[in-house]
N, C-alpha and C. Protein backbone atom coordinates (compact mmCIF):
# COMPACT_ATOMS: atom_id res chain seq x y z
N MET A 1 0.84 -1.19 0.00
CA MET A 1 0.00 0.00 0.00
C MET A 1 0.88 1.25 0.00
N THR A 2 0.59 2.17 -0.93
CA THR A 2 1.32 3.43 -0.99
C THR A 2 0.32 4.57 -1.13
N THR A 3 0.75 5.77 -0.72
CA THR A 3 -0.11 6.94 -0.86
C THR A 3 0.54 7.96 -1.76
N GLN A 4 -0.29 8.77 -2.40
CA GLN A 4 0.17 9.76 -3.37
C GLN A 4 -0.69 11.01 -3.23
N ILE A 5 -0.06 12.16 -3.10
CA ILE A 5 -0.78 13.43 -3.09
C ILE A 5 -0.83 13.97 -4.51
N VAL A 6 -2.01 14.39 -4.93
CA VAL A 6 -2.19 14.89 -6.29
C VAL A 6 -2.87 16.26 -6.22
N GLY A 7 -2.26 17.25 -6.82
CA GLY A 7 -2.86 18.58 -6.86
C GLY A 7 -3.99 18.65 -7.87
N THR A 8 -5.10 19.26 -7.49
CA THR A 8 -6.24 19.45 -8.39
C THR A 8 -6.71 20.90 -8.28
N ASP A 9 -7.64 21.28 -9.15
CA ASP A 9 -8.21 22.62 -9.09
C ASP A 9 -9.02 22.84 -7.82
N ALA A 10 -9.36 21.76 -7.15
CA ALA A 10 -10.13 21.85 -5.91
C ALA A 10 -9.25 21.72 -4.67
N GLY A 11 -7.94 21.59 -4.87
CA GLY A 11 -7.01 21.38 -3.75
C GLY A 11 -6.31 20.05 -3.88
N ASP A 12 -5.52 19.69 -2.89
CA ASP A 12 -4.78 18.43 -2.92
C ASP A 12 -5.67 17.25 -2.57
N ALA A 13 -5.66 16.26 -3.45
CA ALA A 13 -6.35 14.99 -3.21
C ALA A 13 -5.29 13.96 -2.82
N ARG A 14 -5.75 12.83 -2.30
CA ARG A 14 -4.82 11.76 -1.89
C ARG A 14 -5.32 10.43 -2.44
N ILE A 15 -4.41 9.69 -3.05
CA ILE A 15 -4.72 8.35 -3.55
C ILE A 15 -3.98 7.34 -2.70
N THR A 16 -4.69 6.33 -2.22
CA THR A 16 -4.07 5.21 -1.53
C THR A 16 -4.14 4.01 -2.47
N TRP A 17 -2.98 3.56 -2.91
CA TRP A 17 -2.88 2.49 -3.90
C TRP A 17 -2.77 1.12 -3.23
N HIS A 18 -3.59 0.20 -3.67
CA HIS A 18 -3.50 -1.22 -3.29
C HIS A 18 -3.23 -1.96 -4.60
N ARG A 19 -1.97 -2.23 -4.87
CA ARG A 19 -1.57 -2.67 -6.20
C ARG A 19 -1.62 -4.20 -6.36
N ALA A 20 -2.07 -4.59 -7.55
CA ALA A 20 -2.02 -5.99 -7.96
C ALA A 20 -0.65 -6.27 -8.57
N ARG A 21 -0.16 -7.48 -8.40
CA ARG A 21 1.16 -7.83 -8.95
C ARG A 21 1.14 -7.80 -10.47
N LYS A 22 0.12 -8.39 -11.06
CA LYS A 22 -0.03 -8.39 -12.52
C LYS A 22 -1.39 -7.78 -12.84
N ALA A 23 -1.46 -6.47 -12.77
CA ALA A 23 -2.74 -5.78 -12.93
C ALA A 23 -3.18 -5.72 -14.39
N ARG A 24 -4.48 -5.87 -14.60
CA ARG A 24 -5.06 -5.68 -15.93
C ARG A 24 -6.06 -4.52 -15.94
N LEU A 25 -6.47 -4.11 -14.74
CA LEU A 25 -7.42 -3.01 -14.59
C LEU A 25 -7.07 -2.21 -13.34
N VAL A 26 -7.56 -0.98 -13.30
CA VAL A 26 -7.51 -0.17 -12.08
C VAL A 26 -8.94 0.17 -11.68
N LEU A 27 -9.28 -0.05 -10.42
CA LEU A 27 -10.55 0.43 -9.87
C LEU A 27 -10.24 1.65 -9.03
N ALA A 28 -10.72 2.80 -9.46
CA ALA A 28 -10.60 4.02 -8.69
C ALA A 28 -11.90 4.25 -7.96
N ALA A 29 -11.85 4.39 -6.64
CA ALA A 29 -13.08 4.50 -5.85
C ALA A 29 -13.00 5.70 -4.91
N GLY A 30 -14.00 6.55 -5.01
CA GLY A 30 -14.10 7.70 -4.13
C GLY A 30 -15.06 7.44 -2.98
N HIS A 31 -14.95 8.24 -1.95
CA HIS A 31 -15.78 8.07 -0.75
C HIS A 31 -17.05 8.91 -0.84
N GLY A 32 -17.88 8.80 0.19
CA GLY A 32 -19.11 9.56 0.24
C GLY A 32 -18.93 10.89 0.93
N ALA A 33 -20.05 11.61 1.10
CA ALA A 33 -20.02 12.92 1.73
C ALA A 33 -19.95 12.83 3.25
N GLY A 34 -20.25 11.65 3.79
CA GLY A 34 -20.29 11.50 5.23
C GLY A 34 -19.17 10.66 5.82
N GLY A 35 -18.20 10.28 5.00
CA GLY A 35 -17.12 9.41 5.50
C GLY A 35 -15.99 9.36 4.51
N GLY A 36 -14.99 8.56 4.84
CA GLY A 36 -13.80 8.48 4.00
C GLY A 36 -13.58 7.10 3.43
N ILE A 37 -12.33 6.81 3.11
CA ILE A 37 -11.99 5.55 2.46
C ILE A 37 -11.96 4.37 3.44
N GLU A 38 -12.27 4.65 4.71
CA GLU A 38 -12.34 3.57 5.69
C GLU A 38 -13.68 2.83 5.64
N ALA A 39 -14.59 3.23 4.78
CA ALA A 39 -15.89 2.58 4.67
C ALA A 39 -15.73 1.09 4.42
N ARG A 40 -16.63 0.30 4.98
CA ARG A 40 -16.49 -1.17 4.93
C ARG A 40 -16.48 -1.72 3.51
N ASP A 41 -17.25 -1.14 2.62
CA ASP A 41 -17.27 -1.65 1.25
C ASP A 41 -15.98 -1.34 0.51
N LEU A 42 -15.45 -0.14 0.71
CA LEU A 42 -14.18 0.22 0.06
C LEU A 42 -13.03 -0.62 0.60
N ARG A 43 -13.03 -0.85 1.90
CA ARG A 43 -11.99 -1.71 2.48
C ARG A 43 -12.07 -3.12 1.93
N ALA A 44 -13.28 -3.62 1.80
CA ALA A 44 -13.46 -4.99 1.31
C ALA A 44 -12.94 -5.14 -0.12
N LEU A 45 -13.18 -4.15 -0.95
CA LEU A 45 -12.71 -4.23 -2.33
C LEU A 45 -11.19 -4.10 -2.41
N ALA A 46 -10.62 -3.26 -1.55
CA ALA A 46 -9.16 -3.12 -1.51
C ALA A 46 -8.49 -4.41 -1.08
N ASP A 47 -9.20 -5.22 -0.28
CA ASP A 47 -8.68 -6.51 0.14
C ASP A 47 -8.87 -7.59 -0.93
N ALA A 48 -10.01 -7.55 -1.62
CA ALA A 48 -10.39 -8.66 -2.49
C ALA A 48 -9.84 -8.56 -3.91
N LEU A 49 -9.72 -7.37 -4.46
CA LEU A 49 -9.44 -7.24 -5.89
C LEU A 49 -7.97 -7.35 -6.31
N PRO A 50 -7.00 -6.85 -5.53
CA PRO A 50 -5.62 -6.94 -6.00
C PRO A 50 -5.15 -8.36 -6.29
N GLY A 51 -5.64 -9.32 -5.54
CA GLY A 51 -5.28 -10.71 -5.79
C GLY A 51 -5.89 -11.28 -7.05
N ARG A 52 -6.78 -10.52 -7.66
CA ARG A 52 -7.45 -10.95 -8.89
C ARG A 52 -7.11 -10.05 -10.07
N GLY A 53 -5.97 -9.40 -9.96
CA GLY A 53 -5.48 -8.63 -11.10
C GLY A 53 -6.03 -7.23 -11.23
N VAL A 54 -6.62 -6.71 -10.17
CA VAL A 54 -7.17 -5.36 -10.22
C VAL A 54 -6.51 -4.50 -9.15
N THR A 55 -5.80 -3.47 -9.58
CA THR A 55 -5.25 -2.51 -8.65
C THR A 55 -6.37 -1.59 -8.16
N VAL A 56 -6.45 -1.38 -6.87
CA VAL A 56 -7.48 -0.52 -6.29
C VAL A 56 -6.84 0.79 -5.83
N ALA A 57 -7.40 1.88 -6.29
CA ALA A 57 -6.94 3.22 -5.92
C ALA A 57 -8.06 3.91 -5.16
N LEU A 58 -7.91 4.07 -3.85
CA LEU A 58 -8.92 4.73 -3.04
C LEU A 58 -8.59 6.22 -3.00
N VAL A 59 -9.52 7.02 -3.43
CA VAL A 59 -9.29 8.45 -3.62
C VAL A 59 -10.00 9.27 -2.55
N GLU A 60 -9.22 10.10 -1.87
CA GLU A 60 -9.78 11.04 -0.91
C GLU A 60 -9.87 12.42 -1.54
N GLN A 61 -11.06 12.95 -1.58
CA GLN A 61 -11.30 14.26 -2.18
C GLN A 61 -10.58 15.36 -1.40
N PRO A 62 -10.25 16.47 -2.06
CA PRO A 62 -9.52 17.55 -1.40
C PRO A 62 -10.14 18.07 -0.11
N TRP A 63 -11.46 18.14 -0.06
CA TRP A 63 -12.10 18.64 1.16
C TRP A 63 -11.80 17.73 2.35
N ARG A 64 -11.73 16.45 2.07
CA ARG A 64 -11.45 15.47 3.11
C ARG A 64 -9.98 15.55 3.55
N VAL A 65 -9.09 15.68 2.57
CA VAL A 65 -7.66 15.80 2.86
C VAL A 65 -7.40 17.05 3.70
N ALA A 66 -8.15 18.11 3.43
CA ALA A 66 -7.98 19.38 4.15
C ALA A 66 -8.59 19.36 5.55
N GLY A 67 -9.26 18.26 5.90
CA GLY A 67 -9.83 18.13 7.23
C GLY A 67 -11.18 18.80 7.41
N LYS A 68 -11.84 19.15 6.32
CA LYS A 68 -13.16 19.77 6.41
C LYS A 68 -14.23 18.70 6.69
N ARG A 69 -15.30 19.11 7.34
CA ARG A 69 -16.34 18.16 7.73
C ARG A 69 -17.49 18.08 6.75
N VAL A 70 -17.64 19.09 5.91
CA VAL A 70 -18.77 19.15 5.00
C VAL A 70 -18.28 19.11 3.56
N ALA A 71 -18.88 18.23 2.76
CA ALA A 71 -18.49 18.12 1.36
C ALA A 71 -18.94 19.34 0.57
N PRO A 72 -18.17 19.74 -0.44
CA PRO A 72 -18.54 20.89 -1.26
C PRO A 72 -19.60 20.53 -2.29
N ALA A 73 -19.90 21.48 -3.16
CA ALA A 73 -20.90 21.28 -4.20
C ALA A 73 -20.46 20.22 -5.20
N PRO A 74 -21.42 19.60 -5.90
CA PRO A 74 -21.08 18.57 -6.87
C PRO A 74 -20.04 19.00 -7.89
N LYS A 75 -20.11 20.23 -8.39
CA LYS A 75 -19.15 20.66 -9.41
C LYS A 75 -17.72 20.68 -8.86
N THR A 76 -17.57 20.95 -7.55
CA THR A 76 -16.25 20.94 -6.93
C THR A 76 -15.76 19.50 -6.77
N LEU A 77 -16.66 18.59 -6.42
CA LEU A 77 -16.30 17.18 -6.33
C LEU A 77 -15.86 16.65 -7.69
N ASP A 78 -16.58 17.05 -8.73
CA ASP A 78 -16.22 16.62 -10.08
C ASP A 78 -14.85 17.16 -10.47
N ALA A 79 -14.55 18.40 -10.07
CA ALA A 79 -13.25 18.99 -10.38
C ALA A 79 -12.12 18.23 -9.69
N GLY A 80 -12.35 17.83 -8.45
CA GLY A 80 -11.36 17.03 -7.75
C GLY A 80 -11.11 15.69 -8.43
N TRP A 81 -12.19 15.08 -8.88
CA TRP A 81 -12.07 13.77 -9.56
C TRP A 81 -11.33 13.90 -10.89
N ARG A 82 -11.67 14.94 -11.64
CA ARG A 82 -10.97 15.18 -12.91
C ARG A 82 -9.47 15.39 -12.65
N GLY A 83 -9.17 16.06 -11.56
CA GLY A 83 -7.78 16.37 -11.25
C GLY A 83 -6.92 15.16 -10.94
N VAL A 84 -7.53 14.13 -10.35
CA VAL A 84 -6.75 12.93 -10.03
C VAL A 84 -6.72 11.93 -11.19
N TRP A 85 -7.55 12.13 -12.18
CA TRP A 85 -7.68 11.13 -13.25
C TRP A 85 -6.37 10.84 -13.97
N PRO A 86 -5.56 11.84 -14.31
CA PRO A 86 -4.28 11.53 -14.97
C PRO A 86 -3.39 10.59 -14.15
N ALA A 87 -3.40 10.74 -12.83
CA ALA A 87 -2.61 9.84 -11.98
C ALA A 87 -3.18 8.43 -11.99
N LEU A 88 -4.51 8.33 -12.09
CA LEU A 88 -5.16 7.02 -12.10
C LEU A 88 -4.90 6.27 -13.40
N THR A 89 -4.75 7.01 -14.49
CA THR A 89 -4.51 6.38 -15.80
C THR A 89 -3.03 6.18 -16.09
N LYS A 90 -2.16 6.69 -15.25
CA LYS A 90 -0.71 6.63 -15.50
C LYS A 90 -0.19 5.20 -15.64
N PRO A 91 -0.73 4.21 -14.89
CA PRO A 91 -0.26 2.84 -15.10
C PRO A 91 -0.53 2.32 -16.50
N GLY A 92 -1.34 3.04 -17.30
CA GLY A 92 -1.60 2.62 -18.67
C GLY A 92 -2.64 1.53 -18.80
N LEU A 93 -3.47 1.38 -17.80
CA LEU A 93 -4.50 0.34 -17.78
C LEU A 93 -5.89 0.96 -17.84
N PRO A 94 -6.89 0.21 -18.32
CA PRO A 94 -8.26 0.71 -18.27
C PRO A 94 -8.66 1.00 -16.82
N VAL A 95 -9.41 2.08 -16.61
CA VAL A 95 -9.79 2.48 -15.26
C VAL A 95 -11.31 2.38 -15.10
N ILE A 96 -11.72 1.63 -14.09
CA ILE A 96 -13.12 1.61 -13.66
C ILE A 96 -13.31 2.78 -12.70
N SER A 97 -14.21 3.67 -13.03
CA SER A 97 -14.47 4.83 -12.18
C SER A 97 -15.57 4.45 -11.19
N GLY A 98 -15.27 4.59 -9.90
CA GLY A 98 -16.24 4.14 -8.92
C GLY A 98 -16.27 5.00 -7.67
N GLY A 99 -17.17 4.65 -6.80
CA GLY A 99 -17.27 5.35 -5.54
C GLY A 99 -18.53 4.94 -4.81
N ARG A 100 -18.61 5.42 -3.57
CA ARG A 100 -19.82 5.14 -2.81
C ARG A 100 -20.57 6.45 -2.57
N SER A 101 -21.88 6.39 -2.64
CA SER A 101 -22.76 7.52 -2.37
C SER A 101 -22.41 8.72 -3.24
N ALA A 102 -22.00 9.84 -2.65
CA ALA A 102 -21.64 11.01 -3.46
C ALA A 102 -20.53 10.68 -4.45
N GLY A 103 -19.62 9.80 -4.05
CA GLY A 103 -18.56 9.37 -4.95
C GLY A 103 -19.08 8.61 -6.16
N ALA A 104 -20.18 7.87 -5.97
CA ALA A 104 -20.80 7.17 -7.08
C ALA A 104 -21.42 8.15 -8.07
N ARG A 105 -22.01 9.21 -7.54
CA ARG A 105 -22.58 10.24 -8.42
C ARG A 105 -21.49 10.89 -9.26
N VAL A 106 -20.36 11.20 -8.62
CA VAL A 106 -19.23 11.79 -9.35
C VAL A 106 -18.78 10.87 -10.48
N ALA A 107 -18.64 9.59 -10.17
CA ALA A 107 -18.19 8.62 -11.17
C ALA A 107 -19.14 8.58 -12.36
N CYS A 108 -20.44 8.60 -12.09
CA CYS A 108 -21.44 8.55 -13.17
C CYS A 108 -21.40 9.82 -14.01
N ARG A 109 -21.30 10.97 -13.35
CA ARG A 109 -21.35 12.24 -14.07
C ARG A 109 -20.15 12.45 -14.99
N THR A 110 -19.01 11.88 -14.63
CA THR A 110 -17.77 12.16 -15.37
C THR A 110 -17.28 11.00 -16.22
N ALA A 111 -17.96 9.87 -16.21
CA ALA A 111 -17.44 8.65 -16.83
C ALA A 111 -17.15 8.80 -18.31
N THR A 112 -18.10 9.31 -19.06
CA THR A 112 -17.92 9.44 -20.50
C THR A 112 -16.83 10.44 -20.83
N GLU A 113 -16.87 11.58 -20.15
CA GLU A 113 -15.89 12.65 -20.37
C GLU A 113 -14.46 12.17 -20.14
N LEU A 114 -14.27 11.38 -19.09
CA LEU A 114 -12.92 10.95 -18.72
C LEU A 114 -12.48 9.68 -19.42
N GLY A 115 -13.39 9.01 -20.11
CA GLY A 115 -13.04 7.78 -20.80
C GLY A 115 -12.95 6.57 -19.89
N ALA A 116 -13.79 6.54 -18.86
CA ALA A 116 -13.79 5.40 -17.94
C ALA A 116 -14.17 4.12 -18.66
N HIS A 117 -13.55 3.03 -18.22
CA HIS A 117 -13.83 1.71 -18.80
C HIS A 117 -15.21 1.22 -18.37
N ALA A 118 -15.60 1.56 -17.15
CA ALA A 118 -16.88 1.15 -16.57
C ALA A 118 -17.10 1.98 -15.32
N VAL A 119 -18.27 1.83 -14.70
CA VAL A 119 -18.60 2.55 -13.47
C VAL A 119 -19.09 1.56 -12.42
N LEU A 120 -18.56 1.72 -11.21
CA LEU A 120 -19.03 0.97 -10.06
C LEU A 120 -19.67 1.95 -9.09
N ALA A 121 -20.97 1.81 -8.88
CA ALA A 121 -21.72 2.72 -8.02
C ALA A 121 -22.16 1.98 -6.75
N LEU A 122 -21.50 2.26 -5.65
CA LEU A 122 -21.82 1.66 -4.36
C LEU A 122 -22.76 2.59 -3.60
N SER A 123 -23.91 2.06 -3.18
CA SER A 123 -24.89 2.86 -2.44
C SER A 123 -25.22 4.15 -3.20
N PHE A 124 -25.63 4.01 -4.45
CA PHE A 124 -25.97 5.18 -5.24
C PHE A 124 -27.15 5.90 -4.58
N PRO A 125 -26.99 7.20 -4.27
CA PRO A 125 -28.07 7.93 -3.60
C PRO A 125 -29.13 8.38 -4.60
N LEU A 126 -30.04 7.49 -4.89
CA LEU A 126 -31.05 7.74 -5.93
C LEU A 126 -31.88 8.99 -5.63
N HIS A 127 -32.10 9.24 -4.36
CA HIS A 127 -32.86 10.43 -3.94
C HIS A 127 -32.53 10.72 -2.48
N PRO A 128 -32.77 11.94 -2.00
CA PRO A 128 -32.60 12.20 -0.57
C PRO A 128 -33.61 11.36 0.22
N PRO A 129 -33.26 10.96 1.45
CA PRO A 129 -34.19 10.15 2.24
C PRO A 129 -35.56 10.82 2.37
N GLY A 130 -36.59 10.04 2.07
CA GLY A 130 -37.96 10.53 2.19
C GLY A 130 -38.41 11.45 1.08
N LYS A 131 -37.58 11.63 0.06
CA LYS A 131 -37.93 12.54 -1.03
C LYS A 131 -37.71 11.86 -2.39
N PRO A 132 -38.49 10.81 -2.66
CA PRO A 132 -38.28 10.08 -3.92
C PRO A 132 -38.54 10.92 -5.17
N GLU A 133 -39.27 12.02 -5.01
CA GLU A 133 -39.55 12.87 -6.17
C GLU A 133 -38.30 13.61 -6.65
N LYS A 134 -37.29 13.70 -5.80
CA LYS A 134 -36.04 14.37 -6.18
C LYS A 134 -35.04 13.33 -6.67
N SER A 135 -35.38 12.71 -7.78
CA SER A 135 -34.58 11.60 -8.29
C SER A 135 -33.29 12.06 -8.96
N ARG A 136 -32.24 11.26 -8.77
CA ARG A 136 -30.97 11.48 -9.44
C ARG A 136 -30.70 10.38 -10.47
N ALA A 137 -31.77 9.75 -10.91
CA ALA A 137 -31.64 8.62 -11.84
C ALA A 137 -30.93 9.01 -13.12
N GLU A 138 -31.12 10.26 -13.57
CA GLU A 138 -30.50 10.68 -14.83
C GLU A 138 -28.98 10.57 -14.77
N GLU A 139 -28.40 10.84 -13.60
CA GLU A 139 -26.95 10.73 -13.48
C GLU A 139 -26.51 9.29 -13.71
N LEU A 140 -27.22 8.36 -13.10
CA LEU A 140 -26.89 6.94 -13.24
C LEU A 140 -27.11 6.47 -14.68
N LEU A 141 -28.25 6.81 -15.23
CA LEU A 141 -28.59 6.36 -16.57
C LEU A 141 -27.72 7.00 -17.63
N GLY A 142 -27.10 8.13 -17.29
CA GLY A 142 -26.27 8.84 -18.26
C GLY A 142 -24.80 8.48 -18.20
N ALA A 143 -24.44 7.48 -17.42
CA ALA A 143 -23.02 7.13 -17.27
C ALA A 143 -22.38 6.78 -18.61
N GLY A 144 -23.11 6.06 -19.45
CA GLY A 144 -22.64 5.80 -20.80
C GLY A 144 -21.64 4.67 -20.95
N VAL A 145 -21.36 3.96 -19.88
CA VAL A 145 -20.42 2.83 -19.91
C VAL A 145 -21.02 1.70 -19.08
N PRO A 146 -20.49 0.48 -19.17
CA PRO A 146 -21.02 -0.61 -18.33
C PRO A 146 -21.00 -0.20 -16.86
N THR A 147 -22.13 -0.41 -16.20
CA THR A 147 -22.28 0.09 -14.84
C THR A 147 -22.85 -0.98 -13.92
N LEU A 148 -22.27 -1.07 -12.73
CA LEU A 148 -22.79 -1.95 -11.69
C LEU A 148 -23.18 -1.10 -10.49
N VAL A 149 -24.41 -1.29 -10.01
CA VAL A 149 -24.88 -0.67 -8.78
C VAL A 149 -24.93 -1.75 -7.70
N VAL A 150 -24.36 -1.46 -6.54
CA VAL A 150 -24.47 -2.35 -5.37
C VAL A 150 -25.23 -1.56 -4.32
N GLN A 151 -26.42 -2.06 -3.97
CA GLN A 151 -27.33 -1.28 -3.14
C GLN A 151 -27.87 -2.09 -1.97
N GLY A 152 -27.92 -1.46 -0.80
CA GLY A 152 -28.49 -2.10 0.37
C GLY A 152 -30.00 -2.23 0.24
N GLY A 153 -30.53 -3.33 0.71
CA GLY A 153 -31.97 -3.58 0.62
C GLY A 153 -32.81 -2.59 1.40
N ASN A 154 -32.24 -1.96 2.41
CA ASN A 154 -32.96 -0.98 3.22
C ASN A 154 -32.31 0.39 3.16
N ASP A 155 -31.73 0.73 2.04
CA ASP A 155 -31.07 2.03 1.89
C ASP A 155 -32.11 3.14 1.80
N PRO A 156 -32.13 4.08 2.75
CA PRO A 156 -33.12 5.16 2.70
C PRO A 156 -32.90 6.13 1.53
N PHE A 157 -31.72 6.06 0.91
CA PHE A 157 -31.45 6.90 -0.25
C PHE A 157 -31.92 6.24 -1.55
N GLY A 158 -32.56 5.09 -1.45
CA GLY A 158 -33.06 4.39 -2.62
C GLY A 158 -32.93 2.89 -2.47
N LYS A 159 -34.05 2.21 -2.30
CA LYS A 159 -34.03 0.75 -2.23
C LYS A 159 -33.94 0.19 -3.65
N PRO A 160 -33.42 -1.03 -3.79
CA PRO A 160 -33.25 -1.59 -5.13
C PRO A 160 -34.52 -1.54 -5.99
N ALA A 161 -35.68 -1.79 -5.39
CA ALA A 161 -36.92 -1.80 -6.16
C ALA A 161 -37.29 -0.43 -6.71
N GLU A 162 -36.71 0.62 -6.15
CA GLU A 162 -37.02 1.98 -6.62
C GLU A 162 -36.24 2.37 -7.86
N PHE A 163 -35.21 1.63 -8.19
CA PHE A 163 -34.37 2.01 -9.33
C PHE A 163 -35.11 1.78 -10.65
N PRO A 164 -34.95 2.69 -11.58
CA PRO A 164 -35.60 2.52 -12.88
C PRO A 164 -34.90 1.44 -13.69
N ARG A 165 -35.58 0.97 -14.70
CA ARG A 165 -34.93 0.05 -15.62
C ARG A 165 -33.92 0.83 -16.44
N GLY A 166 -32.82 0.21 -16.69
CA GLY A 166 -31.79 0.90 -17.46
C GLY A 166 -30.66 -0.04 -17.81
N ASP A 167 -29.69 0.50 -18.50
CA ASP A 167 -28.56 -0.30 -18.98
C ASP A 167 -27.49 -0.39 -17.89
N PHE A 168 -27.86 -1.02 -16.79
CA PHE A 168 -26.91 -1.25 -15.70
C PHE A 168 -27.31 -2.51 -14.96
N GLU A 169 -26.35 -3.09 -14.24
CA GLU A 169 -26.62 -4.24 -13.40
C GLU A 169 -26.78 -3.78 -11.96
N LEU A 170 -27.53 -4.54 -11.18
CA LEU A 170 -27.75 -4.18 -9.78
C LEU A 170 -27.64 -5.40 -8.89
N ILE A 171 -26.84 -5.28 -7.85
CA ILE A 171 -26.71 -6.33 -6.84
C ILE A 171 -27.30 -5.78 -5.54
N GLU A 172 -28.20 -6.54 -4.95
CA GLU A 172 -28.80 -6.13 -3.67
C GLU A 172 -28.08 -6.80 -2.51
N VAL A 173 -27.76 -6.02 -1.51
CA VAL A 173 -27.22 -6.54 -0.26
C VAL A 173 -28.39 -6.58 0.74
N PRO A 174 -28.95 -7.76 1.00
CA PRO A 174 -30.15 -7.84 1.83
C PRO A 174 -29.97 -7.16 3.19
N TYR A 175 -30.98 -6.41 3.58
CA TYR A 175 -31.06 -5.74 4.89
C TYR A 175 -30.09 -4.57 5.03
N GLY A 176 -29.22 -4.36 4.07
CA GLY A 176 -28.19 -3.34 4.22
C GLY A 176 -28.74 -1.92 4.17
N ASP A 177 -28.17 -1.04 4.98
CA ASP A 177 -28.53 0.36 4.94
C ASP A 177 -27.58 1.10 3.98
N HIS A 178 -27.49 2.41 4.08
CA HIS A 178 -26.67 3.17 3.14
C HIS A 178 -25.18 2.86 3.29
N GLY A 179 -24.78 2.44 4.47
CA GLY A 179 -23.39 2.04 4.70
C GLY A 179 -23.21 0.53 4.67
N PHE A 180 -24.24 -0.20 4.20
CA PHE A 180 -24.25 -1.66 4.13
C PHE A 180 -24.21 -2.32 5.51
N ALA A 181 -24.56 -1.57 6.54
CA ALA A 181 -24.72 -2.19 7.87
C ALA A 181 -26.03 -2.96 7.90
N VAL A 182 -26.01 -4.14 8.52
CA VAL A 182 -27.22 -4.95 8.64
C VAL A 182 -27.56 -5.09 10.13
N PRO A 183 -28.85 -5.06 10.48
CA PRO A 183 -29.23 -5.19 11.89
C PRO A 183 -28.94 -6.58 12.43
N LYS A 184 -28.79 -6.68 13.73
CA LYS A 184 -28.47 -7.97 14.34
C LYS A 184 -29.56 -9.01 14.10
N ARG A 185 -30.79 -8.54 13.93
CA ARG A 185 -31.91 -9.48 13.72
C ARG A 185 -31.99 -9.99 12.28
N ALA A 186 -31.14 -9.47 11.40
CA ALA A 186 -31.18 -9.86 9.99
C ALA A 186 -30.82 -11.33 9.81
N GLU A 187 -31.26 -11.88 8.70
CA GLU A 187 -31.01 -13.29 8.40
C GLU A 187 -29.61 -13.53 7.87
N ILE A 188 -28.87 -12.47 7.63
CA ILE A 188 -27.47 -12.62 7.24
C ILE A 188 -26.59 -11.83 8.22
N THR A 189 -25.35 -12.25 8.36
CA THR A 189 -24.43 -11.55 9.25
C THR A 189 -23.81 -10.35 8.54
N GLN A 190 -23.18 -9.50 9.32
CA GLN A 190 -22.47 -8.37 8.72
C GLN A 190 -21.34 -8.86 7.83
N GLU A 191 -20.68 -9.91 8.26
CA GLU A 191 -19.59 -10.48 7.46
C GLU A 191 -20.11 -10.97 6.11
N ARG A 192 -21.28 -11.59 6.12
CA ARG A 192 -21.84 -12.10 4.87
C ARG A 192 -22.24 -10.95 3.95
N ALA A 193 -22.74 -9.87 4.51
CA ALA A 193 -23.11 -8.72 3.71
C ALA A 193 -21.91 -8.17 2.96
N VAL A 194 -20.79 -8.08 3.65
CA VAL A 194 -19.57 -7.59 3.01
C VAL A 194 -19.09 -8.57 1.95
N GLU A 195 -19.24 -9.86 2.21
CA GLU A 195 -18.85 -10.87 1.23
C GLU A 195 -19.68 -10.74 -0.04
N ILE A 196 -20.96 -10.44 0.10
CA ILE A 196 -21.83 -10.29 -1.07
C ILE A 196 -21.32 -9.16 -1.95
N ILE A 197 -20.90 -8.07 -1.32
CA ILE A 197 -20.35 -6.93 -2.07
C ILE A 197 -19.10 -7.36 -2.83
N ALA A 198 -18.15 -7.93 -2.10
CA ALA A 198 -16.87 -8.30 -2.72
C ALA A 198 -17.06 -9.35 -3.82
N GLU A 199 -17.85 -10.37 -3.54
CA GLU A 199 -18.06 -11.44 -4.52
C GLU A 199 -18.74 -10.90 -5.77
N GLY A 200 -19.72 -10.03 -5.57
CA GLY A 200 -20.44 -9.47 -6.72
C GLY A 200 -19.56 -8.61 -7.59
N VAL A 201 -18.73 -7.79 -6.97
CA VAL A 201 -17.85 -6.92 -7.73
C VAL A 201 -16.77 -7.73 -8.44
N VAL A 202 -16.23 -8.73 -7.76
CA VAL A 202 -15.21 -9.60 -8.39
C VAL A 202 -15.78 -10.27 -9.65
N LYS A 203 -16.99 -10.77 -9.57
CA LYS A 203 -17.61 -11.44 -10.71
C LYS A 203 -17.88 -10.46 -11.85
N TRP A 204 -18.36 -9.29 -11.50
CA TRP A 204 -18.66 -8.27 -12.51
C TRP A 204 -17.39 -7.81 -13.22
N VAL A 205 -16.34 -7.56 -12.45
CA VAL A 205 -15.08 -7.10 -13.03
C VAL A 205 -14.53 -8.16 -14.00
N ALA A 206 -14.66 -9.43 -13.62
CA ALA A 206 -14.18 -10.50 -14.50
C ALA A 206 -14.94 -10.51 -15.81
N SER A 207 -16.22 -10.10 -15.78
CA SER A 207 -17.04 -10.10 -16.99
C SER A 207 -16.71 -8.96 -17.94
N LEU A 208 -15.96 -7.97 -17.45
CA LEU A 208 -15.66 -6.79 -18.28
C LEU A 208 -14.60 -7.10 -19.33
N GLY A 209 -13.83 -8.16 -19.12
CA GLY A 209 -12.81 -8.54 -20.08
C GLY A 209 -11.56 -7.67 -19.98
């Protein structure tokens, strides 16, 4: 594991690299507005994918690196993501643009522009909690590249059944909330929930060729 500071128009971002020995792809994953790269799903992918030929680059947005508590506007998040993209493509491999929550929105909004190989959207915030009329489906549907959504079954930002039909795949993590936490009374354990995420992403990445 190595870290790299990258200057962007939004400030300094930080990439934490989890490198595969014989990489064929890079998965770049950004965090959400309420947390960092320590999220359980991002950690799980950083553990699972390098052994399968995928280098994982966990990206911390400039606001997070600067120690701020509140995420900036979407256009600033997009600027930060654009700024780190040259570093992500430097290994010369196809890059899957990904992230969780707000990071998933960034990946979708910029995928075509940046030439992403595919998009991985973890806990895509389809709408604000309790406000399904404020849909962000257009961002997801407009990604323009092969897309996988991994969504908790009880995510208040959008349950799997609420997602529109579109040119994307969706994996449901039963009982999972927006952070993929499952209640103790659930029929699956927290460990199994994380396994579902990792196994699903590993299978999808293998299908990308």
